[in-house]
Structures are given as C-alpha cells and as structure tokens.
C-alpha cells in the first residue's frame, strides 16, 4: 500500500512538472482558466503528497515544500519560450495549497 501511495504522488508530481515546463500547454487545457488550473493542480498535488506521506511529514512541511517547488517552477518558466514568471500563478498555487490543506484536515483528522 505504501508503495502505491508513493508511486501515485511521484507520477503526479512528474506530470505536473512536465506540464509546467513544456513550452506550450496541451490544447485541452487552454479552454480552462489558467488560475483555476493552478489552484486545482496544487490542491490535488497537496492531497496526493498528504496521501503519500501521512505521518512522516507534517502538512506545514508539505505545503512549504510544494510552495517552494511552485516558486522554482515559475523561475524556470522565465527561461522557457512562450512561458514566463508570474506572481499571480504563485498566488493561485498557494490558494490551491491552502484548499488542499483544509480538505486534508477533514480527511486526515487524526494526523494533524
């Protein structure tokens, strides 16, 4: 069970990284609000991480790590054609992390 939980997180993390660092997002994603996609993606990423690492890492450590990852991705996007650094994307990511944290409080009550 633990291996599956870790695998789902790292596969999702890799997919998010690929989507974030590719020169152009897939056409199917262009019909959605960019900020909504950021918030939903980071909410899901937080919940995925919380599922993979329920006990060893606190929610605060996971959120801090994922927010740092978000900032790093935005910095790297500055150097990718057709991409750019965006503070509003970081803010949307942080909102998604907060939403994920709130949902995880309901799901993982005994581990907070």
N, C-alpha and C. Protein backbone atom coordinates (compact mmCIF):
# COMPACT_ATOMS: atom_id res chain seq x y z
N UNK A 1 0.83 -1.21 0.00
CA UNK A 1 0.00 0.00 0.00
C UNK A 1 0.86 1.25 0.00
N UNK A 2 1.90 1.27 0.81
CA UNK A 2 2.77 2.45 0.88
C UNK A 2 3.44 2.72 -0.46
N UNK A 3 3.85 1.65 -1.14
CA UNK A 3 4.50 1.82 -2.44
C UNK A 3 3.54 2.46 -3.45
N UNK A 4 2.29 2.03 -3.44
CA UNK A 4 1.30 2.62 -4.35
C UNK A 4 1.06 4.09 -4.02
N UNK A 5 1.01 4.41 -2.75
CA UNK A 5 0.80 5.81 -2.35
C UNK A 5 1.97 6.68 -2.80
N UNK A 6 3.17 6.18 -2.62
CA UNK A 6 4.35 6.94 -3.06
C UNK A 6 4.37 7.07 -4.58
N UNK A 7 4.05 5.98 -5.27
CA UNK A 7 4.07 5.99 -6.74
C UNK A 7 3.06 6.98 -7.29
N UNK A 8 1.84 7.02 -6.74
CA UNK A 8 0.83 7.94 -7.27
C UNK A 8 1.30 9.38 -7.11
N UNK A 9 1.95 9.69 -5.99
CA UNK A 9 2.44 11.06 -5.81
C UNK A 9 3.54 11.39 -6.81
N UNK A 10 4.55 10.52 -6.91
CA UNK A 10 5.68 10.85 -7.77
C UNK A 10 5.32 10.85 -9.25
N UNK A 11 4.37 10.03 -9.65
CA UNK A 11 3.89 10.08 -11.04
C UNK A 11 3.15 11.39 -11.28
N UNK A 12 2.28 11.78 -10.35
CA UNK A 12 1.55 13.03 -10.48
C UNK A 12 2.50 14.23 -10.45
N UNK A 13 3.48 14.20 -9.56
CA UNK A 13 4.49 15.26 -9.45
C UNK A 13 5.25 15.40 -10.77
N UNK A 14 5.62 14.27 -11.37
CA UNK A 14 6.33 14.29 -12.65
C UNK A 14 5.46 14.86 -13.76
N UNK A 15 4.18 14.47 -13.78
CA UNK A 15 3.25 15.01 -14.77
C UNK A 15 3.09 16.52 -14.61
N UNK A 16 2.94 16.98 -13.37
CA UNK A 16 2.82 18.43 -13.11
C UNK A 16 4.07 19.17 -13.57
N UNK A 17 5.23 18.58 -13.29
CA UNK A 17 6.50 19.20 -13.71
C UNK A 17 6.57 19.29 -15.22
N UNK A 18 6.21 18.21 -15.90
CA UNK A 18 6.25 18.21 -17.36
C UNK A 18 5.29 19.26 -17.93
N UNK A 19 4.07 19.31 -17.40
CA UNK A 19 3.10 20.30 -17.88
C UNK A 19 3.59 21.73 -17.62
N UNK A 20 4.24 21.93 -16.50
CA UNK A 20 4.70 23.27 -16.12
C UNK A 20 5.91 23.72 -16.92
N UNK A 21 6.72 22.78 -17.36
CA UNK A 21 7.98 23.15 -18.01
C UNK A 21 7.98 22.93 -19.52
N UNK A 22 6.88 22.44 -20.08
CA UNK A 22 6.81 22.29 -21.53
C UNK A 22 6.57 23.67 -22.15
N UNK A 23 7.07 23.90 -23.35
CA UNK A 23 6.94 25.23 -23.95
C UNK A 23 5.50 25.69 -24.16
N UNK A 24 4.57 24.76 -24.37
CA UNK A 24 3.17 25.15 -24.55
C UNK A 24 2.29 24.09 -23.89
N UNK A 25 1.28 24.54 -23.15
CA UNK A 25 0.39 23.56 -22.52
C UNK A 25 -0.44 22.82 -23.58
N UNK A 26 -0.91 21.61 -23.25
CA UNK A 26 -1.76 20.88 -24.21
C UNK A 26 -3.01 21.69 -24.55
N UNK A 27 -3.47 21.54 -25.78
CA UNK A 27 -4.65 22.28 -26.26
C UNK A 27 -5.87 22.11 -25.36
N UNK A 28 -6.06 20.92 -24.83
CA UNK A 28 -7.25 20.64 -24.00
C UNK A 28 -7.29 21.52 -22.74
N UNK A 29 -6.14 21.95 -22.26
CA UNK A 29 -6.09 22.76 -21.05
C UNK A 29 -6.34 24.24 -21.32
N UNK A 30 -6.25 24.65 -22.56
CA UNK A 30 -6.36 26.07 -22.89
C UNK A 30 -7.78 26.61 -22.74
N UNK A 31 -8.77 25.73 -22.66
CA UNK A 31 -10.14 26.21 -22.54
C UNK A 31 -10.53 26.52 -21.09
N UNK A 32 -9.65 26.21 -20.14
CA UNK A 32 -9.93 26.46 -18.73
C UNK A 32 -9.19 27.71 -18.25
N UNK A 33 -9.66 28.30 -17.17
CA UNK A 33 -8.99 29.43 -16.56
C UNK A 33 -7.62 29.01 -16.06
N UNK A 34 -6.60 29.74 -16.44
CA UNK A 34 -5.23 29.43 -16.03
C UNK A 34 -5.10 29.40 -14.50
N UNK A 35 -5.67 30.37 -13.84
CA UNK A 35 -5.54 30.44 -12.37
C UNK A 35 -6.32 29.32 -11.70
N UNK A 36 -7.47 28.95 -12.26
CA UNK A 36 -8.23 27.83 -11.72
C UNK A 36 -7.45 26.52 -11.87
N UNK A 37 -6.78 26.36 -13.01
CA UNK A 37 -5.95 25.17 -13.21
C UNK A 37 -4.80 25.13 -12.20
N UNK A 38 -4.18 26.28 -11.96
CA UNK A 38 -3.10 26.34 -10.97
C UNK A 38 -3.61 25.94 -9.59
N UNK A 39 -4.70 26.53 -9.17
CA UNK A 39 -5.24 26.24 -7.83
C UNK A 39 -5.67 24.78 -7.72
N UNK A 40 -6.37 24.28 -8.71
CA UNK A 40 -6.83 22.88 -8.67
C UNK A 40 -5.65 21.92 -8.70
N UNK A 41 -4.66 22.24 -9.52
CA UNK A 41 -3.48 21.38 -9.63
C UNK A 41 -2.71 21.29 -8.32
N UNK A 42 -2.53 22.43 -7.66
CA UNK A 42 -1.77 22.42 -6.41
C UNK A 42 -2.59 21.88 -5.25
N UNK A 43 -3.89 22.00 -5.31
CA UNK A 43 -4.76 21.36 -4.32
C UNK A 43 -4.61 19.84 -4.45
N UNK A 44 -4.71 19.34 -5.67
CA UNK A 44 -4.56 17.91 -5.92
C UNK A 44 -3.16 17.42 -5.57
N UNK A 45 -2.15 18.23 -5.89
CA UNK A 45 -0.77 17.85 -5.58
C UNK A 45 -0.56 17.76 -4.07
N UNK A 46 -1.14 18.69 -3.32
CA UNK A 46 -1.02 18.65 -1.86
C UNK A 46 -1.70 17.40 -1.32
N UNK A 47 -2.92 17.12 -1.79
CA UNK A 47 -3.65 15.94 -1.31
C UNK A 47 -2.92 14.65 -1.68
N UNK A 48 -2.34 14.63 -2.85
CA UNK A 48 -1.55 13.48 -3.29
C UNK A 48 -0.34 13.28 -2.38
N UNK A 49 0.34 14.38 -2.05
CA UNK A 49 1.51 14.31 -1.16
C UNK A 49 1.10 13.89 0.24
N UNK A 50 -0.03 14.40 0.70
CA UNK A 50 -0.52 14.06 2.04
C UNK A 50 -0.88 12.58 2.13
N UNK A 51 -1.41 12.03 1.04
CA UNK A 51 -1.72 10.61 0.99
C UNK A 51 -0.43 9.79 1.00
N UNK A 52 0.56 10.24 0.26
CA UNK A 52 1.83 9.51 0.16
C UNK A 52 2.66 9.61 1.44
N UNK A 53 2.59 10.75 2.11
CA UNK A 53 3.39 11.00 3.31
C UNK A 53 2.50 11.44 4.47
N UNK A 54 1.62 10.56 4.96
CA UNK A 54 0.67 10.98 6.00
C UNK A 54 1.32 11.22 7.36
N UNK A 55 2.24 10.41 7.76
CA UNK A 55 2.79 10.53 9.11
C UNK A 55 4.16 11.19 9.17
N UNK A 56 5.09 10.82 8.30
CA UNK A 56 6.45 11.34 8.49
C UNK A 56 6.57 12.86 8.32
N UNK A 57 5.75 13.44 7.47
CA UNK A 57 5.85 14.88 7.23
C UNK A 57 4.57 15.58 7.66
N UNK A 58 4.72 16.72 8.29
CA UNK A 58 3.53 17.47 8.68
C UNK A 58 2.97 18.20 7.46
N UNK A 59 1.72 18.60 7.58
CA UNK A 59 1.06 19.33 6.50
C UNK A 59 1.80 20.64 6.21
N UNK A 60 2.33 21.27 7.25
CA UNK A 60 3.06 22.53 7.06
C UNK A 60 4.33 22.32 6.25
N UNK A 61 5.04 21.23 6.53
CA UNK A 61 6.28 20.93 5.78
C UNK A 61 5.94 20.63 4.33
N UNK A 62 4.89 19.84 4.09
CA UNK A 62 4.47 19.54 2.72
C UNK A 62 4.08 20.81 1.97
N UNK A 63 3.30 21.66 2.62
CA UNK A 63 2.87 22.91 1.98
C UNK A 63 4.06 23.80 1.66
N UNK A 64 5.00 23.91 2.61
CA UNK A 64 6.20 24.74 2.38
C UNK A 64 7.03 24.18 1.23
N UNK A 65 7.18 22.87 1.19
CA UNK A 65 7.95 22.25 0.11
C UNK A 65 7.29 22.45 -1.25
N UNK A 66 5.98 22.29 -1.31
CA UNK A 66 5.27 22.46 -2.58
C UNK A 66 5.21 23.92 -3.01
N UNK A 67 5.14 24.83 -2.05
CA UNK A 67 5.17 26.26 -2.41
C UNK A 67 6.56 26.62 -2.95
N UNK A 68 7.60 26.08 -2.33
CA UNK A 68 8.96 26.31 -2.84
C UNK A 68 9.11 25.75 -4.24
N UNK A 69 8.57 24.57 -4.47
CA UNK A 69 8.56 23.95 -5.80
C UNK A 69 7.84 24.85 -6.80
N UNK A 70 6.71 25.42 -6.38
CA UNK A 70 5.93 26.32 -7.22
C UNK A 70 6.75 27.54 -7.64
N UNK A 71 7.47 28.10 -6.69
CA UNK A 71 8.30 29.27 -6.97
C UNK A 71 9.43 28.89 -7.93
N UNK A 72 10.05 27.74 -7.69
CA UNK A 72 11.12 27.27 -8.58
C UNK A 72 10.60 27.07 -10.00
N UNK A 73 9.43 26.47 -10.14
CA UNK A 73 8.84 26.27 -11.46
C UNK A 73 8.63 27.60 -12.16
N UNK A 74 8.12 28.59 -11.44
CA UNK A 74 7.89 29.92 -12.04
C UNK A 74 9.20 30.56 -12.48
N UNK A 75 10.24 30.41 -11.69
CA UNK A 75 11.57 30.94 -12.07
C UNK A 75 12.06 30.25 -13.34
N UNK A 76 11.93 28.92 -13.39
CA UNK A 76 12.37 28.17 -14.57
C UNK A 76 11.56 28.54 -15.81
N UNK A 77 10.28 28.85 -15.64
CA UNK A 77 9.44 29.22 -16.78
C UNK A 77 9.92 30.52 -17.43
N UNK A 78 10.62 31.34 -16.69
CA UNK A 78 11.16 32.58 -17.25
C UNK A 78 12.12 32.28 -18.42
N UNK A 79 12.76 31.12 -18.38
CA UNK A 79 13.76 30.75 -19.38
C UNK A 79 13.22 29.84 -20.48
N UNK A 80 11.92 29.56 -20.46
CA UNK A 80 11.31 28.67 -21.45
C UNK A 80 10.52 29.51 -22.45
N UNK A 81 10.73 29.26 -23.76
CA UNK A 81 9.98 30.02 -24.77
C UNK A 81 8.46 29.91 -24.56
N UNK A 82 7.76 31.01 -24.75
CA UNK A 82 6.31 31.11 -24.63
C UNK A 82 5.81 30.92 -23.20
N UNK A 83 6.69 30.98 -22.24
CA UNK A 83 6.35 30.90 -20.82
C UNK A 83 6.93 32.12 -20.14
N UNK A 84 6.55 32.35 -18.90
CA UNK A 84 7.11 33.48 -18.16
C UNK A 84 6.82 33.38 -16.68
N UNK A 85 7.57 34.12 -15.91
CA UNK A 85 7.39 34.17 -14.46
C UNK A 85 6.11 34.95 -14.15
N UNK A 86 5.34 34.45 -13.18
CA UNK A 86 4.08 35.10 -12.83
C UNK A 86 3.83 35.00 -11.32
N UNK A 87 3.79 36.14 -10.67
CA UNK A 87 3.45 36.16 -9.24
C UNK A 87 2.01 35.70 -9.02
N UNK A 88 1.13 36.03 -9.95
CA UNK A 88 -0.27 35.62 -9.79
C UNK A 88 -0.41 34.09 -9.88
N UNK A 89 0.44 33.44 -10.65
CA UNK A 89 0.42 31.97 -10.68
C UNK A 89 0.85 31.41 -9.32
N UNK A 90 1.86 32.02 -8.71
CA UNK A 90 2.31 31.57 -7.39
C UNK A 90 1.20 31.78 -6.37
N UNK A 91 0.50 32.88 -6.47
CA UNK A 91 -0.62 33.14 -5.56
C UNK A 91 -1.74 32.10 -5.76
N UNK A 92 -2.05 31.78 -7.01
CA UNK A 92 -3.06 30.76 -7.30
C UNK A 92 -2.61 29.40 -6.77
N UNK A 93 -1.33 29.10 -6.92
CA UNK A 93 -0.79 27.84 -6.39
C UNK A 93 -0.93 27.80 -4.87
N UNK A 94 -0.61 28.92 -4.22
CA UNK A 94 -0.73 28.99 -2.75
C UNK A 94 -2.19 28.81 -2.32
N UNK A 95 -3.12 29.38 -3.07
CA UNK A 95 -4.54 29.20 -2.75
C UNK A 95 -4.92 27.73 -2.88
N UNK A 96 -4.41 27.07 -3.90
CA UNK A 96 -4.67 25.63 -4.06
C UNK A 96 -4.09 24.82 -2.91
N UNK A 97 -2.89 25.20 -2.47
CA UNK A 97 -2.28 24.51 -1.33
C UNK A 97 -3.11 24.70 -0.06
N UNK A 98 -3.62 25.92 0.14
CA UNK A 98 -4.47 26.18 1.31
C UNK A 98 -5.76 25.37 1.25
N UNK A 99 -6.35 25.29 0.07
CA UNK A 99 -7.55 24.49 -0.09
C UNK A 99 -7.25 23.02 0.17
N UNK A 100 -6.14 22.54 -0.36
CA UNK A 100 -5.73 21.16 -0.13
C UNK A 100 -5.49 20.88 1.34
N UNK A 101 -4.88 21.83 2.03
CA UNK A 101 -4.65 21.70 3.46
C UNK A 101 -5.98 21.61 4.21
N UNK A 102 -6.94 22.46 3.85
CA UNK A 102 -8.25 22.46 4.50
C UNK A 102 -8.97 21.13 4.28
N UNK A 103 -8.93 20.63 3.05
CA UNK A 103 -9.56 19.34 2.75
C UNK A 103 -8.86 18.23 3.52
N UNK A 104 -7.53 18.28 3.57
CA UNK A 104 -6.79 17.22 4.28
C UNK A 104 -7.09 17.23 5.78
N UNK A 105 -7.40 18.40 6.32
CA UNK A 105 -7.79 18.47 7.75
C UNK A 105 -9.04 17.64 7.99
N UNK A 106 -9.95 17.65 7.05
CA UNK A 106 -11.17 16.85 7.18
C UNK A 106 -10.89 15.36 7.00
N UNK A 107 -10.02 15.05 6.04
CA UNK A 107 -9.75 13.66 5.70
C UNK A 107 -8.80 12.99 6.69
N UNK A 108 -7.77 13.72 7.11
CA UNK A 108 -6.73 13.16 7.96
C UNK A 108 -6.80 13.75 9.37
N UNK A 109 -7.97 13.84 9.96
CA UNK A 109 -8.16 14.49 11.26
C UNK A 109 -7.20 14.00 12.33
N UNK A 110 -6.96 12.73 12.40
CA UNK A 110 -6.13 12.18 13.48
C UNK A 110 -4.65 12.45 13.29
N UNK A 111 -4.24 12.92 12.13
CA UNK A 111 -2.82 13.09 11.85
C UNK A 111 -2.39 14.55 11.80
N UNK A 112 -3.23 15.48 12.18
CA UNK A 112 -2.88 16.90 12.10
C UNK A 112 -2.20 17.35 13.38
